[in-house]
Protein backbone atom coordinates (compact mmCIF):
# COMPACT_ATOMS: atom_id res chain seq x y z
CA MET A 1 -65.53 63.35 79.84
CA SER A 2 -67.00 61.03 77.15
CA LEU A 3 -70.70 60.98 76.27
CA PHE A 4 -70.83 57.55 77.82
CA GLU A 5 -69.78 58.51 81.02
CA LYS A 6 -72.33 61.68 80.98
CA VAL A 7 -75.21 59.50 80.25
CA ALA A 8 -74.32 57.08 82.88
CA MET A 9 -73.91 59.93 85.33
CA TYR A 10 -77.18 61.61 84.86
CA ALA A 11 -78.98 57.98 84.76
CA VAL A 12 -77.53 57.42 88.17
CA GLU A 13 -78.61 60.81 89.47
CA ALA A 14 -82.03 60.09 87.99
CA TRP A 15 -82.23 56.61 89.72
CA GLN A 16 -81.04 58.36 93.06
CA ARG A 17 -83.71 61.13 92.80
CA ARG A 18 -86.58 58.49 92.27
CA HIS A 19 -85.34 56.20 95.10
CA LYS A 20 -85.26 59.39 97.33
CA VAL A 21 -88.96 59.97 96.41
CA ARG A 22 -90.26 56.62 96.73
CA GLU A 23 -88.53 56.73 100.29
CA GLN A 24 -89.97 59.70 101.41
CA ALA A 25 -93.53 58.50 100.10
CA ALA A 26 -92.97 55.17 102.05
CA LYS A 27 -92.12 57.39 105.44
CA ILE A 28 -95.18 59.60 104.88
CA SER A 29 -97.81 56.44 104.31
CA GLU A 30 -96.10 54.68 107.41
CA HIS A 31 -96.48 58.01 109.49
CA GLN A 32 -100.39 58.26 108.14
CA LYS A 33 -101.14 54.76 109.17
CA GLN A 34 -99.42 55.31 112.96
CA PHE A 35 -101.74 58.64 113.03
CA ILE A 36 -104.69 56.36 111.96
CA GLU A 37 -104.18 53.86 114.49
CA HIS A 38 -103.65 56.25 117.09
CA LEU A 39 -106.77 58.02 116.83
CA PRO A 40 -108.94 56.09 118.97
CA PHE A 41 -106.30 56.76 121.79
CA LEU A 42 -106.28 60.52 121.51
CA LYS A 43 -106.95 62.12 124.75
CA GLU A 44 -109.92 64.64 125.01
CA THR A 45 -107.54 68.03 124.99
CA GLU A 46 -106.01 66.58 121.96
CA ARG A 47 -109.20 65.94 120.21
CA GLU A 48 -110.03 69.57 121.13
CA ILE A 49 -106.88 70.87 119.59
CA TYR A 50 -107.36 69.31 116.22
CA GLY A 51 -111.33 70.08 116.38
CA TRP A 52 -110.44 73.75 117.27
CA LEU A 53 -107.72 73.88 114.16
CA LEU A 54 -110.41 72.04 111.82
CA THR A 55 -113.36 74.46 112.93
CA ASN A 56 -111.13 77.37 112.36
CA SER A 57 -109.51 75.98 109.13
CA GLN A 58 -106.08 76.78 110.66
CA LYS A 59 -103.30 74.70 110.36
CA SER A 60 -100.79 76.42 112.26
CA PHE A 61 -100.98 77.84 116.01
CA THR A 62 -98.90 79.62 118.64
CA ALA A 63 -98.26 77.81 121.85
CA GLU A 64 -96.19 77.34 124.69
CA MET A 65 -92.45 75.93 124.13
CA ASP A 66 -93.37 72.22 124.78
CA CYS A 67 -96.67 72.68 122.83
CA GLY A 68 -98.73 72.82 125.99
CA HIS A 69 -101.43 69.86 125.86
CA GLY A 70 -100.23 69.05 122.46
CA SER A 71 -96.84 67.80 123.58
CA SER A 72 -97.72 64.14 123.07
CA LEU A 73 -98.53 65.07 119.50
CA PHE A 74 -95.49 66.80 119.14
CA LYS A 75 -93.52 64.09 120.20
CA ARG A 76 -94.95 61.80 117.71
CA ASP A 77 -94.58 64.22 115.01
CA PHE A 78 -98.36 64.72 114.26
CA ILE A 79 -97.70 68.28 115.18
CA LYS A 80 -94.68 69.67 114.23
CA SER A 81 -92.63 72.97 115.49
CA ASP A 82 -92.01 75.93 112.93
CA ALA A 83 -89.38 77.49 115.23
CA ILE A 84 -86.52 78.64 113.55
CA GLY A 85 -83.04 78.48 115.34
CA GLY A 86 -81.56 81.91 116.09
CA ILE A 87 -84.64 83.61 116.71
CA ALA A 88 -85.99 84.82 120.25
CA TYR A 89 -89.31 83.79 121.11
CA GLY A 90 -91.34 84.30 124.31
CA MET A 91 -92.67 81.47 126.43
CA TYR A 92 -95.97 81.34 124.76
CA GLU A 93 -94.97 82.38 121.32
CA PHE A 94 -93.52 79.26 119.65
CA SER A 95 -95.17 78.48 116.36
CA PHE A 96 -96.39 74.88 115.72
CA SER A 97 -98.32 73.59 112.70
CA VAL A 98 -100.14 70.00 111.45
CA PRO A 99 -98.03 68.60 108.49
CA ASP A 100 -99.81 68.27 105.32
CA HIS A 101 -100.15 64.49 105.19
CA ILE A 102 -101.85 64.59 108.70
CA TRP A 103 -104.09 67.53 107.79
CA THR A 104 -105.55 65.42 104.98
CA LEU A 105 -106.42 62.72 107.33
CA LEU A 106 -107.99 64.93 109.73
CA ASP A 107 -110.08 66.42 107.09
CA HIS A 108 -111.32 63.13 106.10
CA ASN A 109 -112.02 62.17 109.85
CA LYS A 110 -113.82 65.32 110.96
CA GLU A 111 -116.56 63.84 112.58
CA GLN A 112 -114.42 62.40 115.22
CA PHE A 113 -113.22 65.77 116.57
CA PRO A 114 -115.34 68.32 118.08
CA SER A 115 -116.79 71.70 116.63
CA GLU A 116 -118.25 72.98 119.82
CA PHE A 117 -116.28 74.35 122.75
CA LYS A 118 -117.05 74.85 126.32
CA ASP A 119 -115.16 77.65 126.89
CA ARG A 120 -113.47 80.50 124.71
CA LYS A 121 -109.76 79.53 125.65
CA LEU A 122 -107.45 77.90 122.97
CA PRO A 123 -107.11 74.06 123.92
CA TRP A 124 -103.40 73.78 123.69
CA PHE A 125 -102.37 76.16 126.53
CA ARG A 126 -101.51 74.89 130.15
CA ARG A 127 -100.49 78.27 131.44
CA ARG A 128 -97.91 76.69 133.42
CA PHE A 129 -94.96 78.99 132.71
């Protein structure tokens, strides 16, 4: 392989990496925009989930396999599953977390989420299984 071919190959690889990084940044930016637009429409239980996580400085939690009261947040990817394929989980033991780019927005908008809770139970459990 000639020197010119090697340089061209490295240039193409560098361009592809840069393109991939830009594409990922655009996806994250769009997802953050969708989250901000959805904030006024959050249900009270969804606000309590985020409020509880913010109050306890906890980005991850364990819930029912459908994410309980956070299922609509899970559907929109505002909460993601951390479950690993091939590992057995109990009905109430699925791990979920808030993506980093959503967590930064939550941290900036703390005042929109409750910090006081009526009862001591975790806001995401429905207890239906």
